[in-house]
Amino acid sequence: MPLPPVGSAISISQIQTEFGGSNPASLSEYYGKGNAPGSGAITMSEDFGGTSSSYTANFLIIAGGGGGGGWTGGGGGAGGSQTSTQSGVTSGSGTWTITVGGGGGGGAYPSNSSRGGNGSSSSVSGVATSTGGGGGGGYFNGASSAGANGGSGGGGGYKAGTIYSSSGGSGISGQGNNGGSSSSSSYNMGGGGGRGASAGVGAGGAGSALTISGLSATTRAGGGGGAGQSSNPSGGSGGGGRGARYNGPAAQNGSGNTGGGGGGGRDGVSAKSGGSGVVFVSMPTGNYSGTQSGASSVSTSGGYTILRFNGSGSVAK
């Protein structure tokens, strides 16, 4: 429970009961706890009044995007993304392990296995896992012309020897959306699904501006564009790569650390990889111990400390 409010008498034993520690107790053990500074003078009531070792942590978890399909392929689906909270966290009670997923590779050319690779999952141990985006379908007279399922589904590719569409893959509710079906008769392929919207023929689905406490909203997790006949279908907002055009500009990779899907390839123009994921952790600044590994940045905003992980790592509770 919180310590007595600011202005009330507070003893070292009360601070020890709330935050733990060993006897004989010393105030130097409690730097960075409550509202206490990391060094220098500590003022008992002002720095600990009303604070508690129990708090709520916030997470934004984005998986790697799917790769675009090769040889007239669909766009890769965006990596699954979600926000999550964990309440009743006790300071010093353990560590969260952070895993950041990579993007899936683009489909091969020429190959009868030209579907793009699925992205890898991102997770925070004991909190939540976001699923990698589905790879875009590729040119083949069989199942691999359909987009793969994932956090967001990959777009459908060209189905050899037929004049009908290949379906897009399915997204996971709460993490992403479905990929689009291809239009084989017009040689325009399905876009990869995005966090904010499903895709149709061509362009990738839009991403979404998810946010958590202390973190500004930034659009991420857009789907990759499918291959086009007379234009380069655009990637979805939030890091989706554009698709290739027949005899035209190449496809693009999904942007790194957005979970964006890769663009679909066209004939000899290579399909592209999905973008890697990212994880953000936000906690009240008074409860951040300063112990972490692998964070690419640590910042503060509105009473919260925000850690960004572009790669895997850990942070103390």
Protein backbone atom coordinates (compact mmCIF):
# COMPACT_ATOMS: atom_id res chain seq x y z
CA MET A 1 0.00 0.00 0.00
CA PRO A 2 1.19 3.60 -0.52
CA LEU A 3 3.24 5.32 2.17
CA PRO A 4 1.64 8.18 4.15
CA PRO A 5 0.99 11.30 2.02
CA VAL A 6 3.46 14.11 1.47
CA GLY A 7 3.72 16.24 4.64
CA SER A 8 3.19 13.31 7.01
CA ALA A 9 5.93 11.77 9.13
CA ILE A 10 7.65 8.83 7.40
CA SER A 11 10.17 6.48 9.01
CA ILE A 12 12.96 4.47 7.41
CA SER A 13 11.23 1.30 8.65
CA GLN A 14 8.08 2.23 6.68
CA ILE A 15 10.17 2.78 3.55
CA GLN A 16 11.86 -0.58 4.14
CA THR A 17 8.50 -2.33 4.52
CA GLU A 18 7.29 -0.86 1.22
CA PHE A 19 10.40 -1.27 -0.91
CA GLY A 20 12.35 -4.04 0.82
CA GLY A 21 15.97 -3.95 1.92
CA SER A 22 18.30 -5.25 4.61
CA ASN A 23 19.10 -4.24 8.18
CA PRO A 24 20.55 -1.97 9.28
CA ALA A 25 18.49 0.13 6.87
CA SER A 26 20.12 3.07 5.11
CA LEU A 27 18.53 5.71 2.90
CA SER A 28 21.20 5.07 0.26
CA GLU A 29 19.42 1.75 -0.50
CA TYR A 30 16.41 3.67 -1.80
CA TYR A 31 17.89 5.91 -4.46
CA GLY A 32 15.53 5.79 -7.46
CA LYS A 33 12.64 4.40 -5.42
CA GLY A 34 9.38 6.29 -5.08
CA ASN A 35 10.21 9.84 -6.20
CA ALA A 36 13.72 9.77 -4.76
CA PRO A 37 16.62 10.93 -6.96
CA GLY A 38 19.32 8.59 -8.21
CA SER A 39 21.93 10.33 -6.05
CA GLY A 40 22.35 13.21 -3.63
CA ALA A 41 20.07 14.28 -0.79
CA ILE A 42 16.82 12.47 -0.06
CA THR A 43 13.93 14.28 1.64
CA MET A 44 11.84 11.64 3.35
CA SER A 45 8.26 12.87 3.03
CA GLU A 46 8.63 14.69 -0.29
CA ASP A 47 10.45 11.83 -1.97
CA PHE A 48 8.43 8.92 -0.57
CA GLY A 49 5.08 10.39 0.52
CA GLY A 50 2.21 8.59 -1.19
CA THR A 51 4.46 6.36 -3.27
CA SER A 52 4.16 2.61 -3.55
CA SER A 53 6.29 -0.28 -4.72
CA SER A 54 3.23 -1.63 -6.56
CA TYR A 55 2.55 -0.09 -9.95
CA THR A 56 1.12 -0.64 -13.44
CA ALA A 57 3.46 -1.15 -16.41
CA ASN A 58 2.45 -0.58 -20.04
CA PHE A 59 3.66 -2.30 -23.20
CA LEU A 60 3.49 -1.86 -26.98
CA ILE A 61 4.59 -5.05 -28.76
CA ILE A 62 5.04 -5.19 -32.56
CA ALA A 63 6.21 -8.32 -34.38
CA GLY A 64 8.25 -8.57 -37.58
CA GLY A 65 6.47 -8.04 -40.90
CA GLY A 66 6.02 -10.75 -43.54
CA GLY A 67 8.12 -10.84 -46.70
CA GLY A 68 6.60 -10.14 -50.11
CA GLY A 69 5.86 -13.02 -52.48
CA GLY A 70 8.26 -13.59 -55.37
CA TRP A 71 7.70 -13.97 -59.15
CA THR A 72 4.46 -11.90 -59.34
CA GLY A 73 3.71 -11.98 -55.64
CA GLY A 74 1.48 -10.47 -52.99
CA GLY A 75 2.62 -8.03 -50.34
CA GLY A 76 3.73 -9.20 -46.91
CA GLY A 77 1.38 -8.76 -43.99
CA ALA A 78 2.32 -6.37 -41.17
CA GLY A 79 3.59 -7.82 -37.93
CA GLY A 80 0.93 -8.30 -35.29
CA SER A 81 0.81 -5.38 -32.86
CA GLN A 82 -0.94 -4.82 -29.56
CA THR A 83 -0.83 -2.85 -26.34
CA SER A 84 -0.98 -4.50 -22.94
CA THR A 85 -0.76 -3.61 -19.26
CA GLN A 86 0.34 -5.47 -16.16
CA SER A 87 -1.00 -4.15 -12.88
CA GLY A 88 0.09 -4.88 -9.33
CA VAL A 89 3.76 -5.12 -10.31
CA THR A 90 6.07 -5.08 -7.29
CA SER A 91 9.33 -3.21 -7.61
CA GLY A 92 12.33 -5.52 -7.53
CA SER A 93 10.22 -8.66 -8.06
CA GLY A 94 11.95 -9.91 -11.20
CA THR A 95 12.72 -9.13 -14.83
CA TRP A 96 10.81 -8.91 -18.08
CA THR A 97 12.55 -10.60 -20.99
CA ILE A 98 12.04 -8.74 -24.27
CA THR A 99 12.07 -10.55 -27.63
CA VAL A 100 11.92 -8.52 -30.86
CA GLY A 101 11.06 -10.44 -34.03
CA GLY A 102 12.78 -10.02 -37.38
CA GLY A 103 11.06 -9.56 -40.73
CA GLY A 104 10.37 -12.47 -43.07
CA GLY A 105 12.43 -12.83 -46.25
CA GLY A 106 11.10 -12.08 -49.71
CA GLY A 107 10.02 -14.99 -51.91
CA ALA A 108 12.48 -16.47 -54.42
CA TYR A 109 12.62 -16.11 -58.21
CA PRO A 110 12.31 -18.32 -60.16
CA SER A 111 10.94 -20.92 -57.83
CA ASN A 112 7.81 -22.97 -57.31
CA SER A 113 8.14 -22.10 -53.60
CA SER A 114 8.05 -18.35 -54.00
CA ARG A 115 5.83 -17.37 -51.08
CA GLY A 116 7.41 -14.80 -48.77
CA GLY A 117 8.50 -15.83 -45.30
CA ASN A 118 6.45 -15.04 -42.21
CA GLY A 119 7.84 -12.50 -39.75
CA SER A 120 8.96 -13.62 -36.30
CA SER A 121 6.99 -12.97 -33.13
CA SER A 122 7.81 -10.29 -30.54
CA SER A 123 7.01 -10.78 -26.86
CA VAL A 124 7.40 -9.63 -23.28
CA SER A 125 7.69 -12.58 -20.90
CA GLY A 126 4.60 -13.11 -18.79
CA VAL A 127 2.72 -10.30 -20.57
CA ALA A 128 1.87 -10.91 -24.25
CA THR A 129 3.13 -12.17 -27.62
CA SER A 130 2.48 -10.54 -31.00
CA THR A 131 2.55 -12.85 -34.04
CA GLY A 132 4.71 -12.19 -37.11
CA GLY A 133 3.09 -11.02 -40.32
CA GLY A 134 2.10 -13.52 -43.01
CA GLY A 135 4.23 -13.86 -46.13
CA GLY A 136 2.82 -12.76 -49.48
CA GLY A 137 1.71 -15.48 -51.90
CA GLY A 138 3.94 -16.20 -54.89
CA TYR A 139 3.63 -17.49 -58.45
CA PHE A 140 2.72 -21.17 -58.32
CA ASN A 141 0.00 -23.54 -59.44
CA GLY A 142 -0.86 -24.52 -55.91
CA ALA A 143 -1.30 -23.47 -52.31
CA SER A 144 1.75 -21.20 -52.10
CA SER A 145 0.03 -18.64 -54.35
CA ALA A 146 -2.26 -17.74 -51.42
CA GLY A 147 -1.07 -15.28 -48.80
CA ALA A 148 0.01 -16.81 -45.50
CA ASN A 149 -1.85 -16.24 -42.24
CA GLY A 150 -0.16 -14.15 -39.57
CA GLY A 151 -0.54 -11.14 -37.27
CA SER A 152 -1.79 -9.50 -40.47
CA GLY A 153 -2.30 -11.74 -43.49
CA GLY A 154 -0.12 -11.72 -46.60
CA GLY A 155 -1.58 -10.74 -49.98
CA GLY A 156 -2.51 -13.29 -52.62
CA GLY A 157 -0.09 -13.95 -55.50
CA TYR A 158 -0.46 -15.17 -59.08
CA LYS A 159 -1.81 -18.69 -59.52
CA ALA A 160 -0.16 -20.17 -62.57
CA GLY A 161 -2.23 -21.53 -65.44
CA THR A 162 -5.52 -20.09 -64.21
CA ILE A 163 -7.42 -16.81 -64.50
CA TYR A 164 -8.84 -16.37 -61.04
CA SER A 165 -7.78 -14.79 -57.79
CA SER A 166 -5.63 -16.23 -55.04
CA SER A 167 -6.82 -15.37 -51.56
CA GLY A 168 -5.06 -13.26 -48.98
CA GLY A 169 -4.07 -14.67 -45.62
CA SER A 170 -6.02 -14.07 -42.42
CA GLY A 171 -4.94 -11.69 -39.67
CA ILE A 172 -5.40 -12.19 -35.93
CA SER A 173 -8.19 -10.19 -34.31
CA GLY A 174 -6.73 -7.52 -32.03
CA GLN A 175 -3.33 -7.70 -33.76
CA GLY A 176 -3.92 -7.09 -37.47
CA ASN A 177 -6.11 -7.55 -40.54
CA ASN A 178 -6.52 -9.75 -43.62
CA GLY A 179 -4.43 -9.59 -46.77
CA GLY A 180 -6.06 -8.83 -50.12
CA SER A 181 -6.85 -11.29 -52.90
CA SER A 182 -5.01 -11.00 -56.20
CA SER A 183 -6.57 -10.20 -59.57
CA SER A 184 -4.76 -12.67 -61.80
CA SER A 185 -6.56 -11.51 -64.94
CA SER A 186 -5.02 -8.02 -64.55
CA TYR A 187 -1.71 -9.22 -63.09
CA ASN A 188 -2.20 -7.07 -60.01
CA MET A 189 -1.54 -8.90 -56.75
CA GLY A 190 -3.03 -8.59 -53.28
CA GLY A 191 -1.63 -6.18 -50.71
CA GLY A 192 -0.61 -7.33 -47.26
CA GLY A 193 -2.95 -6.54 -44.38
CA GLY A 194 -2.06 -3.73 -41.96
CA ARG A 195 -2.77 -3.11 -38.29
CA GLY A 196 -5.33 -0.44 -39.16
CA ALA A 197 -7.05 -1.96 -42.21
CA SER A 198 -7.44 -4.99 -44.44
CA ALA A 199 -5.94 -4.84 -47.94
CA GLY A 200 -7.43 -5.24 -51.40
CA VAL A 201 -5.79 -5.61 -54.79
CA GLY A 202 -2.49 -3.70 -54.97
CA ALA A 203 -1.85 -1.37 -52.03
CA GLY A 204 -1.00 -2.64 -48.57
CA GLY A 205 -3.35 -2.09 -45.66
CA ALA A 206 -2.80 0.97 -43.49
CA GLY A 207 -0.97 0.79 -40.19
CA SER A 208 -2.20 2.19 -36.90
CA ALA A 209 -0.96 4.79 -34.39
CA LEU A 210 -0.96 2.73 -31.22
CA THR A 211 0.30 4.37 -28.03
CA ILE A 212 0.83 3.76 -24.32
CA SER A 213 1.36 6.08 -21.31
CA GLY A 214 4.16 8.54 -21.98
CA LEU A 215 4.66 7.48 -25.61
CA SER A 216 3.52 9.67 -28.49
CA ALA A 217 1.34 8.07 -31.16
CA THR A 218 3.30 7.01 -34.27
CA THR A 219 1.84 5.01 -37.15
CA ARG A 220 3.43 1.57 -37.54
CA ALA A 221 2.61 -1.91 -38.90
CA GLY A 222 1.56 -1.14 -42.49
CA GLY A 223 1.12 -3.94 -45.03
CA GLY A 224 3.36 -4.40 -48.06
CA GLY A 225 2.11 -3.62 -51.56
CA GLY A 226 1.50 -6.46 -54.00
CA ALA A 227 3.18 -6.60 -57.41
CA GLY A 228 1.56 -4.44 -60.09
CA GLN A 229 1.19 -4.47 -63.87
CA SER A 230 1.38 -0.78 -64.80
CA SER A 231 2.20 0.87 -61.45
CA ASN A 232 4.01 0.26 -58.17
CA PRO A 233 1.27 -0.42 -55.60
CA SER A 234 2.04 1.51 -52.44
CA GLY A 235 2.83 0.04 -49.07
CA GLY A 236 0.49 0.79 -46.21
CA SER A 237 1.20 3.81 -44.01
CA GLY A 238 3.41 2.80 -41.11
CA GLY A 239 6.34 1.14 -42.84
CA GLY A 240 4.86 -1.08 -45.55
CA GLY A 241 7.12 -1.47 -48.62
CA ARG A 242 5.78 -0.80 -52.12
CA GLY A 243 5.29 -3.64 -54.60
CA ALA A 244 7.30 -4.05 -57.81
CA ARG A 245 5.99 -3.03 -61.23
CA TYR A 246 6.31 -5.02 -64.45
CA ASN A 247 9.51 -3.81 -66.18
CA GLY A 248 9.57 -0.96 -63.68
CA PRO A 249 10.90 0.16 -60.30
CA ALA A 250 11.73 -2.51 -57.74
CA ALA A 251 9.81 -3.44 -54.64
CA GLN A 252 10.82 -2.07 -51.23
CA ASN A 253 11.57 -3.66 -47.88
CA GLY A 254 9.26 -3.00 -44.96
CA SER A 255 10.78 -0.29 -42.76
CA GLY A 256 12.90 -1.49 -39.85
CA ASN A 257 11.38 -1.50 -36.36
CA THR A 258 7.88 -0.79 -37.64
CA GLY A 259 6.70 -4.34 -38.40
CA GLY A 260 5.91 -3.21 -41.96
CA GLY A 261 5.32 -5.86 -44.65
CA GLY A 262 7.69 -6.26 -47.61
CA GLY A 263 6.67 -5.51 -51.18
CA GLY A 264 5.81 -8.27 -53.66
CA GLY A 265 8.25 -9.01 -56.50
CA ARG A 266 7.45 -9.12 -60.21
CA ASP A 267 9.09 -11.57 -62.65
CA GLY A 268 12.86 -11.00 -62.32
CA VAL A 269 12.44 -8.09 -59.87
CA SER A 270 13.06 -9.44 -56.38
CA ALA A 271 10.50 -9.52 -53.62
CA LYS A 272 11.51 -7.72 -50.46
CA SER A 273 11.77 -8.53 -46.76
CA GLY A 274 9.45 -7.41 -44.01
CA GLY A 275 10.59 -4.88 -41.42
CA SER A 276 11.71 -5.93 -37.95
CA GLY A 277 9.48 -5.37 -34.94
CA VAL A 278 9.87 -3.16 -31.87
CA VAL A 279 8.84 -3.24 -28.19
CA PHE A 280 8.17 -0.30 -25.86
CA VAL A 281 7.94 -0.56 -22.07
CA SER A 282 6.52 2.30 -19.98
CA MET A 283 6.49 2.53 -16.17
CA PRO A 284 6.19 5.30 -13.57
CA THR A 285 9.57 6.99 -13.32
CA GLY A 286 9.62 6.52 -9.56
CA ASN A 287 9.49 2.75 -10.03
CA TYR A 288 12.18 2.48 -12.72
CA SER A 289 15.32 1.01 -11.14
CA GLY A 290 17.64 1.85 -14.03
CA THR A 291 18.48 -1.82 -14.53
CA GLN A 292 18.05 -2.95 -18.15
CA SER A 293 19.96 -4.45 -21.04
CA GLY A 294 19.54 -3.99 -24.76
CA ALA A 295 17.32 -0.90 -24.79
CA SER A 296 18.03 1.36 -27.76
CA SER A 297 16.75 4.40 -25.87
CA VAL A 298 15.47 5.40 -22.43
CA SER A 299 13.43 8.60 -22.08
CA THR A 300 10.94 10.24 -19.73
CA SER A 301 7.61 11.91 -20.39
CA GLY A 302 4.73 12.91 -18.14
CA GLY A 303 5.99 11.00 -15.12
CA TYR A 304 6.79 7.84 -17.09
CA THR A 305 10.06 6.27 -18.17
CA ILE A 306 9.84 4.73 -21.64
CA LEU A 307 12.28 2.09 -22.85
CA ARG A 308 12.47 1.29 -26.56
CA PHE A 309 13.81 -2.10 -27.68
CA ASN A 310 14.83 -2.41 -31.33
CA GLY A 311 16.33 -5.78 -30.45
CA SER A 312 15.97 -8.29 -27.67
CA GLY A 313 16.87 -7.45 -24.07
CA SER A 314 15.46 -7.19 -20.56
CA VAL A 315 14.30 -4.70 -17.92
CA ALA A 316 13.93 -5.06 -14.16
CA LYS A 317 10.49 -4.73 -12.66
